[in-house]
C-alpha atoms as a PDB file:
ATOM      1  CA  MET A   1       0.442  -0.137   0.109  1.00  0.00           C
ATOM      2  CA  ILE A   2       1.238   3.376  -1.051  1.00  0.00           C
ATOM      3  CA  LEU A   3       1.499   5.864   1.788  1.00  0.00           C
ATOM      4  CA  LYS A   4       0.224   9.554  -0.028  1.00  0.00           C
ATOM      5  CA  ALA A   5       2.147  12.170   2.516  1.00  0.00           C
ATOM      6  CA  VAL A   6       2.643  15.974   2.276  1.00  0.00           C
ATOM      7  CA  ILE A   7       5.057  18.303   3.659  1.00  0.00           C
ATOM      8  CA  ILE A   8       4.485  21.450   5.223  1.00  0.00           C
ATOM      9  CA  GLU A   9       7.718  23.115   6.158  1.00  0.00           C
ATOM     10  CA  ASP A  10       8.379  26.880   5.238  1.00  0.00           C
ATOM     11  CA  GLU A  11      12.216  26.410   4.042  1.00  0.00           C
ATOM     12  CA  LYS A  12      12.158  25.281   1.108  1.00  0.00           C
ATOM     13  CA  HIS A  13      15.702  23.738   1.122  1.00  0.00           C
ATOM     14  CA  SER A  14      14.237  21.509   3.886  1.00  0.00           C
ATOM     15  CA  ARG A  15      11.064  20.743   2.063  1.00  0.00           C
ATOM     16  CA  GLU A  16      12.763  19.189  -1.069  1.00  0.00           C
ATOM     17  CA  THR A  17      15.703  17.040   1.325  1.00  0.00           C
ATOM     18  CA  LEU A  18      12.174  15.751   2.950  1.00  0.00           C
ATOM     19  CA  LYS A  19      10.907  15.200  -0.289  1.00  0.00           C
ATOM     20  CA  SER A  20      14.240  13.772  -1.277  1.00  0.00           C
ATOM     21  CA  MET A  21      14.924  10.953   1.972  1.00  0.00           C
ATOM     22  CA  LEU A  22      10.887  10.055   1.436  1.00  0.00           C
ATOM     23  CA  GLU A  23      11.081   9.276  -2.529  1.00  0.00           C
ATOM     24  CA  GLU A  24      15.476   7.792  -2.300  1.00  0.00           C
ATOM     25  CA  PHE A  25      14.144   5.277   0.974  1.00  0.00           C
ATOM     26  CA  CYS A  26      10.862   5.149   1.973  1.00  0.00           C
ATOM     27  CA  LYS A  27       9.746   4.176  -1.524  1.00  0.00           C
ATOM     28  CA  ASP A  28       5.912   2.926  -0.328  1.00  0.00           C
ATOM     29  CA  VAL A  29       5.375   6.822   0.669  1.00  0.00           C
ATOM     30  CA  GLU A  30       4.717   9.398  -2.423  1.00  0.00           C
ATOM     31  CA  VAL A  31       4.813  12.572  -0.948  1.00  0.00           C
ATOM     32  CA  ILE A  32       1.392  14.456  -3.231  1.00  0.00           C
ATOM     33  CA  ALA A  33       2.427  17.905  -2.456  1.00  0.00           C
ATOM     34  CA  MET A  34       3.807  20.658  -0.546  1.00  0.00           C
ATOM     35  CA  ALA A  35       2.952  23.817   1.584  1.00  0.00           C
ATOM     36  CA  GLY A  36       5.119  26.502   2.729  1.00  0.00           C
ATOM     37  CA  THR A  37       2.872  28.543   5.011  1.00  0.00           C
ATOM     38  CA  VAL A  38      -0.312  28.368   7.075  1.00  0.00           C
ATOM     39  CA  ASP A  39      -2.286  28.981   4.752  1.00  0.00           C
ATOM     40  CA  GLU A  40      -1.264  27.135   2.040  1.00  0.00           C
ATOM     41  CA  ALA A  41      -1.109  24.370   4.054  1.00  0.00           C
ATOM     42  CA  VAL A  42      -4.260  24.672   4.866  1.00  0.00           C
ATOM     43  CA  LYS A  43      -5.585  24.990   1.590  1.00  0.00           C
ATOM     44  CA  VAL A  44      -3.564  21.563   0.329  1.00  0.00           C
ATOM     45  CA  LEU A  45      -5.119  19.649   2.740  1.00  0.00           C
ATOM     46  CA  SER A  46      -8.936  21.097   1.693  1.00  0.00           C
ATOM     47  CA  ILE A  47      -7.775  19.505  -1.623  1.00  0.00           C
ATOM     48  CA  TYR A  48      -6.020  16.980  -0.649  1.00  0.00           C
ATOM     49  CA  SER A  49      -5.859  13.177   1.170  1.00  0.00           C
ATOM     50  CA  PRO A  50      -3.071  12.240   2.555  1.00  0.00           C
ATOM     51  CA  ASP A  51      -2.779   9.518   4.499  1.00  0.00           C
ATOM     52  CA  ILE A  52       0.023  11.059   6.770  1.00  0.00           C
ATOM     53  CA  VAL A  53       1.611  14.595   6.907  1.00  0.00           C
ATOM     54  CA  PHE A  54       4.963  16.119   7.635  1.00  0.00           C
ATOM     55  CA  LEU A  55       4.047  19.195  10.108  1.00  0.00           C
ATOM     56  CA  ASP A  56       6.933  21.911  10.910  1.00  0.00           C
ATOM     57  CA  ILE A  57       5.968  23.112  14.361  1.00  0.00           C
ATOM     58  CA  GLU A  58       7.832  26.226  13.522  1.00  0.00           C
ATOM     59  CA  LEU A  59       6.247  28.051  10.018  1.00  0.00           C
ATOM     60  CA  GLN A  60       7.440  31.557   9.756  1.00  0.00           C
ATOM     61  CA  SER A  61       3.459  32.595   8.637  1.00  0.00           C
ATOM     62  CA  GLY A  62       2.202  30.766  11.834  1.00  0.00           C
ATOM     63  CA  VAL A  63       2.795  27.423  13.588  1.00  0.00           C
ATOM     64  CA  GLY A  64       2.077  24.185  12.722  1.00  0.00           C
ATOM     65  CA  PHE A  65      -0.621  23.651  15.557  1.00  0.00           C
ATOM     66  CA  ASP A  66      -2.709  26.204  14.031  1.00  0.00           C
ATOM     67  CA  VAL A  67      -2.617  24.142  10.133  1.00  0.00           C
ATOM     68  CA  LEU A  68      -4.840  21.664  12.747  1.00  0.00           C
ATOM     69  CA  ASN A  69      -6.622  24.128  14.255  1.00  0.00           C
ATOM     70  CA  GLN A  70      -8.271  24.780  11.130  1.00  0.00           C
ATOM     71  CA  ILE A  71      -8.609  21.143   9.919  1.00  0.00           C
ATOM     72  CA  LYS A  72     -12.186  19.653  10.796  1.00  0.00           C
ATOM     73  CA  ASP A  73     -11.696  15.843  11.809  1.00  0.00           C
ATOM     74  CA  PRO A  74      -8.230  14.696  10.498  1.00  0.00           C
ATOM     75  CA  ASN A  75      -8.038  11.869   9.287  1.00  0.00           C
ATOM     76  CA  PHE A  76      -4.248  11.354   8.373  1.00  0.00           C
ATOM     77  CA  GLU A  77      -1.087  10.545  10.597  1.00  0.00           C
ATOM     78  CA  VAL A  78       0.681  13.991  11.432  1.00  0.00           C
ATOM     79  CA  ILE A  79       4.512  13.193  12.294  1.00  0.00           C
ATOM     80  CA  PHE A  80       6.250  16.247  13.593  1.00  0.00           C
ATOM     81  CA  THR A  81       9.334  18.329  12.829  1.00  0.00           C
ATOM     82  CA  THR A  82      11.116  20.644  14.605  1.00  0.00           C
ATOM     83  CA  ALA A  83      14.709  22.181  14.960  1.00  0.00           C
ATOM     84  CA  PHE A  84      13.930  22.886  18.778  1.00  0.00           C
ATOM     85  CA  GLU A  85      13.683  20.660  21.004  1.00  0.00           C
ATOM     86  CA  LYS A  86      11.359  23.134  22.858  1.00  0.00           C
ATOM     87  CA  TYR A  87       8.131  22.956  25.392  1.00  0.00           C
ATOM     88  CA  ALA A  88       5.954  21.335  22.618  1.00  0.00           C
ATOM     89  CA  ILE A  89       8.192  19.093  22.103  1.00  0.00           C
ATOM     90  CA  LYS A  90       7.276  17.902  25.769  1.00  0.00           C
ATOM     91  CA  ALA A  91       3.462  18.120  24.734  1.00  0.00           C
ATOM     92  CA  ILE A  92       3.864  16.104  21.787  1.00  0.00           C
ATOM     93  CA  LYS A  93       5.533  12.952  23.764  1.00  0.00           C
ATOM     94  CA  PHE A  94       2.627  12.843  26.551  1.00  0.00           C
ATOM     95  CA  SER A  95       0.963  12.801  23.532  1.00  0.00           C
ATOM     96  CA  SER A  96       3.044   9.713  22.997  1.00  0.00           C
ATOM     97  CA  LEU A  97       2.855  11.393  18.999  1.00  0.00           C
ATOM     98  CA  ASP A  98       5.837  11.294  16.510  1.00  0.00           C
ATOM     99  CA  TYR A  99       8.537  14.167  15.855  1.00  0.00           C
ATOM    100  CA  LEU A 100      11.927  14.263  13.943  1.00  0.00           C
ATOM    101  CA  LEU A 101      14.044  17.081  15.002  1.00  0.00           C
ATOM    102  CA  LYS A 102      16.315  17.942  12.152  1.00  0.00           C
ATOM    103  CA  PRO A 103      18.350  17.283  10.534  1.00  0.00           C
ATOM    104  CA  ILE A 104      16.380  14.288   9.795  1.00  0.00           C
ATOM    105  CA  ASP A 105      17.820  11.045  10.722  1.00  0.00           C
ATOM    106  CA  LEU A 106      16.773   8.241   7.837  1.00  0.00           C
ATOM    107  CA  ASP A 107      16.397   5.916  10.433  1.00  0.00           C
ATOM    108  CA  GLU A 108      13.844   8.119  12.369  1.00  0.00           C
ATOM    109  CA  LEU A 109      12.185   9.004   9.414  1.00  0.00           C
ATOM    110  CA  GLN A 110      11.615   5.453   8.131  1.00  0.00           C
ATOM    111  CA  GLN A 111      10.687   4.643  11.531  1.00  0.00           C
ATOM    112  CA  ALA A 112       8.148   7.195  12.657  1.00  0.00           C
ATOM    113  CA  VAL A 113       6.419   6.222   9.089  1.00  0.00           C
ATOM    114  CA  GLU A 114       6.357   2.862   9.817  1.00  0.00           C
ATOM    115  CA  LYS A 115       4.573   3.284  12.951  1.00  0.00           C
ATOM    116  CA  ALA A 116       2.191   5.202  10.737  1.00  0.00           C
ATOM    117  CA  ARG A 117       1.798   2.478   8.666  1.00  0.00           C
ATOM    118  CA  THR A 118       1.144   0.115  11.343  1.00  0.00           C
ATOM    119  CA  ARG A 119      -1.217   2.852  13.919  1.00  0.00           C
ATOM    120  CA  MET A 120      -4.637   2.540  12.357  1.00  0.00           C
ATOM    121  CA  ASP A 121      -7.125   2.682  14.198  1.00  0.00           C
ATOM    122  CA  THR A 122      -8.210   6.548  14.188  1.00  0.00           C
ATOM    123  CA  ASN A 123     -10.202   6.957  17.101  1.00  0.00           C
ATOM    124  CA  VAL A 124      -6.989   6.754  19.695  1.00  0.00           C
ATOM    125  CA  TYR A 125      -5.010   8.986  17.280  1.00  0.00           C
ATOM    126  CA  ARG A 126      -7.935  11.489  17.411  1.00  0.00           C
ATOM    127  CA  GLU A 127      -7.952  11.547  21.099  1.00  0.00           C
ATOM    128  CA  GLN A 128      -3.618  11.703  20.868  1.00  0.00           C
ATOM    129  CA  LEU A 129      -4.063  15.095  18.601  1.00  0.00           C
ATOM    130  CA  ASP A 130      -6.607  16.322  21.186  1.00  0.00           C
ATOM    131  CA  THR A 131      -5.049  15.677  24.010  1.00  0.00           C
ATOM    132  CA  LEU A 132      -1.787  17.697  22.420  1.00  0.00           C
ATOM    133  CA  MET A 133      -4.101  20.201  20.990  1.00  0.00           C
ATOM    134  CA  GLN A 134      -6.141  21.323  24.179  1.00  0.00           C
ATOM    135  CA  SER A 135      -2.877  21.810  25.963  1.00  0.00           C
ATOM    136  CA  ILE A 136      -1.372  23.778  23.232  1.00  0.00           C
ATOM    137  CA  SER A 137      -4.571  25.935  22.764  1.00  0.00           C
ATOM    138  CA  ARG A 138      -4.782  26.257  26.756  1.00  0.00           C
ATOM    139  CA  GLY A 139      -0.922  27.419  26.529  1.00  0.00           C
ATOM    140  CA  LYS A 140      -0.287  24.287  29.013  1.00  0.00           C
ATOM    141  CA  ILE A 141       3.098  23.696  29.582  1.00  0.00           C
ATOM    142  CA  ARG A 142       2.191  21.411  31.510  1.00  0.00           C
ATOM    143  CA  PRO A 143      -0.805  18.893  30.367  1.00  0.00           C
ATOM    144  CA  GLU A 144      -3.288  17.260  32.267  1.00  0.00           C
ATOM    145  CA  LYS A 145      -3.106  13.935  30.612  1.00  0.00           C
ATOM    146  CA  ILE A 146      -0.283  11.165  29.097  1.00  0.00           C
ATOM    147  CA  CYS A 147      -0.753   8.878  26.852  1.00  0.00           C
ATOM    148  CA  LEU A 148       0.840   5.716  28.009  1.00  0.00           C
ATOM    149  CA  ALA A 149       1.591   3.026  24.944  1.00  0.00           C
ATOM    150  CA  THR A 150       1.268  -0.395  26.507  1.00  0.00           C
ATOM    151  CA  THR A 151       1.120  -4.174  24.967  1.00  0.00           C
ATOM    152  CA  SER A 152      -2.606  -3.739  24.917  1.00  0.00           C
ATOM    153  CA  GLY A 153      -3.749  -0.332  23.443  1.00  0.00           C
ATOM    154  CA  MET A 154      -3.299   3.488  24.294  1.00  0.00           C
ATOM    155  CA  GLU A 155      -4.216   4.371  27.378  1.00  0.00           C
ATOM    156  CA  PHE A 156      -5.378   8.184  28.592  1.00  0.00           C
ATOM    157  CA  ILE A 157      -4.324   8.523  32.628  1.00  0.00           C
ATOM    158  CA  ALA A 158      -4.903  11.546  34.307  1.00  0.00           C
ATOM    159  CA  ILE A 159      -1.658  12.592  35.936  1.00  0.00           C
ATOM    160  CA  ASP A 160      -2.936  13.739  39.098  1.00  0.00           C
ATOM    161  CA  ASP A 161      -4.123  10.209  39.240  1.00  0.00           C
ATOM    162  CA  ILE A 162      -0.526   8.276  38.861  1.00  0.00           C
ATOM    163  CA  ILE A 163       0.956   6.880  43.074  1.00  0.00           C
ATOM    164  CA  ALA A 164       4.481   6.487  41.639  1.00  0.00           C
ATOM    165  CA  CYS A 165       6.001   4.629  38.153  1.00  0.00           C
ATOM    166  CA  LYS A 166       8.999   1.874  38.905  1.00  0.00           C
ATOM    167  CA  ALA A 167      11.754   1.226  36.691  1.00  0.00           C
ATOM    168  CA  ASP A 168      11.395  -3.040  35.663  1.00  0.00           C
ATOM    169  CA  GLY A 169      13.865  -3.225  32.996  1.00  0.00           C
ATOM    170  CA  SER A 170      14.004  -1.629  29.736  1.00  0.00           C
ATOM    171  CA  TYR A 171       9.962  -1.061  31.709  1.00  0.00           C
ATOM    172  CA  THR A 172       7.766   1.031  33.539  1.00  0.00           C
ATOM    173  CA  SER A 173       5.440   0.149  35.975  1.00  0.00           C
ATOM    174  CA  PHE A 174       2.893   3.130  36.463  1.00  0.00           C
ATOM    175  CA  MET A 175       1.278   2.786  39.774  1.00  0.00           C
ATOM    176  CA  LEU A 176      -2.740   4.082  39.827  1.00  0.00           C
ATOM    177  CA  GLU A 177      -5.141   5.465  41.803  1.00  0.00           C
ATOM    178  CA  ASP A 178      -7.026   2.581  41.025  1.00  0.00           C
ATOM    179  CA  ASN A 179      -4.970   0.204  41.988  1.00  0.00           C
ATOM    180  CA  ASN A 180      -3.818  -0.519  38.164  1.00  0.00           C
ATOM    181  CA  THR A 181      -1.077  -1.419  37.327  1.00  0.00           C
ATOM    182  CA  LEU A 182      -0.108  -0.453  33.308  1.00  0.00           C
ATOM    183  CA  LEU A 183       3.509  -2.085  31.883  1.00  0.00           C
ATOM    184  CA  VAL A 184       4.930   0.695  28.859  1.00  0.00           C
ATOM    185  CA  SER A 185       8.211  -0.266  27.168  1.00  0.00           C
ATOM    186  CA  LYS A 186      10.034   2.624  27.714  1.00  0.00           C
ATOM    187  CA  HIS A 187      13.092   3.618  30.387  1.00  0.00           C
ATOM    188  CA  LEU A 188      11.953   5.091  34.067  1.00  0.00           C
ATOM    189  CA  LYS A 189      13.849   8.133  33.062  1.00  0.00           C
ATOM    190  CA  GLU A 190      11.848   9.095  30.195  1.00  0.00           C
ATOM    191  CA  TYR A 191       9.013   9.486  32.312  1.00  0.00           C
ATOM    192  CA  GLU A 192      11.727  10.994  34.834  1.00  0.00           C
ATOM    193  CA  ASN A 193      12.195  14.174  32.200  1.00  0.00           C
ATOM    194  CA  LEU A 194       8.641  13.974  31.014  1.00  0.00           C
ATOM    195  CA  LEU A 195       7.301  14.102  34.858  1.00  0.00           C
ATOM    196  CA  SER A 196       9.640  16.735  36.729  1.00  0.00           C
ATOM    197  CA  GLU A 197       7.435  19.458  36.640  1.00  0.00           C
ATOM    198  CA  HIS A 198       4.665  18.204  37.851  1.00  0.00           C
ATOM    199  CA  GLN A 199       5.776  17.683  41.481  1.00  0.00           C
ATOM    200  CA  PHE A 200       7.254  13.865  40.773  1.00  0.00           C
ATOM    201  CA  MET A 201      10.903  13.268  42.006  1.00  0.00           C
ATOM    202  CA  ARG A 202      13.324   9.832  41.858  1.00  0.00           C
ATOM    203  CA  VAL A 203      13.701   9.107  45.161  1.00  0.00           C
ATOM    204  CA  HIS A 204      15.535   5.960  44.457  1.00  0.00           C
ATOM    205  CA  ASN A 205      16.635   4.343  41.008  1.00  0.00           C
ATOM    206  CA  SER A 206      14.468   2.045  40.761  1.00  0.00           C
ATOM    207  CA  TYR A 207      11.465   4.977  41.788  1.00  0.00           C
ATOM    208  CA  LEU A 208       9.614   8.178  40.464  1.00  0.00           C
ATOM    209  CA  ILE A 209       6.896   9.319  43.206  1.00  0.00           C
ATOM    210  CA  ASN A 210       3.811  11.733  42.737  1.00  0.00           C
ATOM    211  CA  LEU A 211       5.035  14.060  45.489  1.00  0.00           C
ATOM    212  CA  LYS A 212       1.301  14.948  46.232  1.00  0.00           C
ATOM    213  CA  LYS A 213       0.401  11.180  46.625  1.00  0.00           C
ATOM    214  CA  VAL A 214       2.756  10.485  49.935  1.00  0.00           C
ATOM    215  CA  LYS A 215       1.376   9.459  52.927  1.00  0.00           C
ATOM    216  CA  LYS A 216       3.696   9.224  55.394  1.00  0.00           C
ATOM    217  CA  TYR A 217       7.504   9.675  55.992  1.00  0.00           C
ATOM    218  CA  VAL A 218       9.537   7.163  57.860  1.00  0.00           C
ATOM    219  CA  LYS A 219      12.881   8.435  59.249  1.00  0.00           C
ATOM    220  CA  SER A 220      13.536   4.660  60.408  1.00  0.00           C
ATOM    221  CA  GLU A 221      16.303   2.052  58.764  1.00  0.00           C
ATOM    222  CA  GLY A 222      17.281   4.638  56.616  1.00  0.00           C
ATOM    223  CA  GLY A 223      13.702   6.455  55.614  1.00  0.00           C
ATOM    224  CA  HIS A 224      11.084   5.037  52.951  1.00  0.00           C
ATOM    225  CA  LEU A 225       7.601   6.786  51.987  1.00  0.00           C
ATOM    226  CA  VAL A 226       4.546   5.995  52.946  1.00  0.00           C
ATOM    227  CA  MET A 227       2.030   6.608  49.446  1.00  0.00           C
ATOM    228  CA  ASP A 228      -1.486   6.357  49.219  1.00  0.00           C
ATOM    229  CA  ASN A 229      -2.252   3.143  47.953  1.00  0.00           C
ATOM    230  CA  ASP A 230       0.384   2.455  51.254  1.00  0.00           C
ATOM    231  CA  LEU A 231       3.501   1.625  48.424  1.00  0.00           C
ATOM    232  CA  GLU A 232       5.814   1.504  50.736  1.00  0.00           C
ATOM    233  CA  VAL A 233       9.363   3.270  49.090  1.00  0.00           C
ATOM    234  CA  ASN A 234      12.428   3.432  50.284  1.00  0.00           C
ATOM    235  CA  ILE A 235      14.651   6.943  49.457  1.00  0.00           C
ATOM    236  CA  SER A 236      18.140   6.808  48.848  1.00  0.00           C
ATOM    237  CA  PRO A 237      20.602   8.587  51.105  1.00  0.00           C
ATOM    238  CA  ARG A 238      22.058  11.520  48.298  1.00  0.00           C
ATOM    239  CA  LYS A 239      17.941  11.962  47.650  1.00  0.00           C
ATOM    240  CA  LYS A 240      16.933  12.347  51.590  1.00  0.00           C
ATOM    241  CA  ASP A 241      17.183  16.274  51.678  1.00  0.00           C
ATOM    242  CA  ASP A 242      16.062  16.871  48.360  1.00  0.00           C
ATOM    243  CA  LEU A 243      12.921  15.180  48.813  1.00  0.00           C
ATOM    244  CA  ILE A 244      12.978  16.836  52.682  1.00  0.00           C
ATOM    245  CA  GLU A 245      12.813  20.087  50.960  1.00  0.00           C
ATOM    246  CA  ALA A 246      10.989  19.033  47.497  1.00  0.00           C
ATOM    247  CA  MET A 247       8.141  17.987  50.814  1.00  0.00           C
ATOM    248  CA  LYS A 248       7.924  21.178  52.846  1.00  0.00           C
ATOM    249  CA  ARG A 249       7.022  23.251  49.107  1.00  0.00           C
ATOM    250  CA  LEU A 250       4.469  21.683  48.664  1.00  0.00           C
END
């Protein structure tokens, strides 16, 4: 199956480079149109029916999100492109959507295309996109939800419902308020970076905790925390002072 693609990018050189990469290394992708401004992009997307849109986040005439805001019920996959790792990238990560940093790496491009090809659940994708757009449109640097890719599909979880995250090899277990646990195939470090601005703290090599869900701090035996779900979490000695200071600031 040939995937029809549209490239939205304000720099002609970048447009042509991406087009050439797709034509040479992604043989099952056909670039059917390109645009350099928000208005051009909206017009192109109203005429064509692409499967994938490569959308530059920062256009000279606005931002890529302005394009999406003007498209009713988009039925295409979006792969964002950007030269800057700003807060918008964090919002994209919260939504489990794909993005490519410029200069675009060939392997990452091929992986993103393959993921777009295999991701056929339109309803889930729209919810991912809605989660992103709500955060961006409200000017929120701190989204209210996070999208977690599990073995059974995508889960949209309120960040305030997360009690703790536990490292499990190359996986991360999310422990939630309803006593459910979700296993996600990403390292704990990635979620430490994402959730650091939501009052989450890495208190141990194996645990990232929601500071708002701490029920008790026990000083004896090196110190440990009791969470709202009665989970007991040991505290790394080098984290103890930082933890106490963070708890005081709550």
